C-alpha atoms as a PDB file:
ATOM      1  CA  UNK A   1     170.114  86.860  12.534  1.00  0.00           C
ATOM      2  CA  UNK A   2     170.840  87.497   9.120  1.00  0.00           C
ATOM      3  CA  UNK A   3     174.457  87.362   7.397  1.00  0.00           C
ATOM      4  CA  UNK A   4     176.049  89.564   4.606  1.00  0.00           C
ATOM      5  CA  UNK A   5     178.601  88.571   2.992  1.00  0.00           C
ATOM      6  CA  UNK A   6     180.489  91.894   2.096  1.00  0.00           C
ATOM      7  CA  UNK A   7     183.247  89.974  -0.137  1.00  0.00           C
ATOM      8  CA  UNK A   8     184.123  86.675  -1.388  1.00  0.00           C
ATOM      9  CA  UNK A   9     187.514  85.475  -1.447  1.00  0.00           C
ATOM     10  CA  UNK A  10     188.138  83.436  -4.460  1.00  0.00           C
ATOM     11  CA  UNK A  11     191.090  81.940  -4.395  1.00  0.00           C
ATOM     12  CA  UNK A  12     192.551  79.230  -7.833  1.00  0.00           C
ATOM     13  CA  UNK A  13     196.424  77.269  -8.460  1.00  0.00           C
ATOM     14  CA  UNK A  14     197.256  76.697 -12.656  1.00  0.00           C
ATOM     15  CA  UNK A  15     199.584  74.569 -13.284  1.00  0.00           C
ATOM     16  CA  UNK A  16     201.542  74.437 -16.776  1.00  0.00           C
ATOM     17  CA  UNK A  17     200.413  71.509 -18.450  1.00  0.00           C
ATOM     18  CA  UNK A  18     204.074  70.030 -18.671  1.00  0.00           C
ATOM     19  CA  UNK A  19     203.990  69.690 -15.076  1.00  0.00           C
ATOM     20  CA  UNK A  20     203.809  66.545 -13.660  1.00  0.00           C
ATOM     21  CA  UNK A  21     200.660  67.460 -11.701  1.00  0.00           C
ATOM     22  CA  UNK A  22     198.731  68.982 -14.038  1.00  0.00           C
ATOM     23  CA  UNK A  23     198.186  65.720 -15.597  1.00  0.00           C
ATOM     24  CA  UNK A  24     196.827  64.424 -12.903  1.00  0.00           C
ATOM     25  CA  UNK A  25     193.920  67.123 -12.995  1.00  0.00           C
ATOM     26  CA  UNK A  26     193.853  68.229 -16.176  1.00  0.00           C
ATOM     27  CA  UNK A  27     191.024  65.529 -17.711  1.00  0.00           C
ATOM     28  CA  UNK A  28     191.857  63.142 -20.157  1.00  0.00           C
ATOM     29  CA  UNK A  29     189.375  65.044 -22.493  1.00  0.00           C
ATOM     30  CA  UNK A  30     190.688  68.671 -23.000  1.00  0.00           C
ATOM     31  CA  UNK A  31     192.669  68.846 -25.815  1.00  0.00           C
ATOM     32  CA  UNK A  32     192.337  72.341 -27.862  1.00  0.00           C
ATOM     33  CA  UNK A  33     194.188  75.650 -25.525  1.00  0.00           C
ATOM     34  CA  UNK A  34     190.265  77.113 -25.258  1.00  0.00           C
ATOM     35  CA  UNK A  35     188.781  73.698 -24.209  1.00  0.00           C
ATOM     36  CA  UNK A  36     191.620  73.235 -21.167  1.00  0.00           C
ATOM     37  CA  UNK A  37     190.376  77.221 -20.157  1.00  0.00           C
ATOM     38  CA  UNK A  38     186.601  76.763 -20.019  1.00  0.00           C
ATOM     39  CA  UNK A  39     187.290  73.463 -18.403  1.00  0.00           C
ATOM     40  CA  UNK A  40     189.083  75.471 -15.637  1.00  0.00           C
ATOM     41  CA  UNK A  41     186.853  78.416 -15.849  1.00  0.00           C
ATOM     42  CA  UNK A  42     183.277  75.566 -15.104  1.00  0.00           C
ATOM     43  CA  UNK A  43     185.230  73.497 -12.584  1.00  0.00           C
ATOM     44  CA  UNK A  44     186.008  76.229 -10.802  1.00  0.00           C
ATOM     45  CA  UNK A  45     182.509  78.093 -11.178  1.00  0.00           C
ATOM     46  CA  UNK A  46     180.981  74.704  -9.837  1.00  0.00           C
ATOM     47  CA  UNK A  47     183.141  75.084  -6.790  1.00  0.00           C
ATOM     48  CA  UNK A  48     182.332  78.667  -5.623  1.00  0.00           C
ATOM     49  CA  UNK A  49     178.669  77.821  -6.033  1.00  0.00           C
ATOM     50  CA  UNK A  50     179.073  74.550  -4.354  1.00  0.00           C
ATOM     51  CA  UNK A  51     181.124  76.559  -1.253  1.00  0.00           C
ATOM     52  CA  UNK A  52     178.218  79.563  -1.144  1.00  0.00           C
ATOM     53  CA  UNK A  53     175.042  76.863  -1.476  1.00  0.00           C
ATOM     54  CA  UNK A  54     177.404  75.064   1.593  1.00  0.00           C
ATOM     55  CA  UNK A  55     177.548  78.781   3.301  1.00  0.00           C
ATOM     56  CA  UNK A  56     173.421  79.303   3.109  1.00  0.00           C
ATOM     57  CA  UNK A  57     172.879  76.120   4.551  1.00  0.00           C
ATOM     58  CA  UNK A  58     173.929  76.890   7.653  1.00  0.00           C
END
């Protein structure tokens, strides 16, 4: 039976850099705010693609 996805819900949690939890998640390489933003976007895209791959394997 074919599966048709009508809606994809994407959730993200963003913390402020001064937050203690953010230090553990931000990574050591983010130098500028633009770099941090690009890193966050890349991570979100990778996670969404991984979810899609898992769903396609079913």
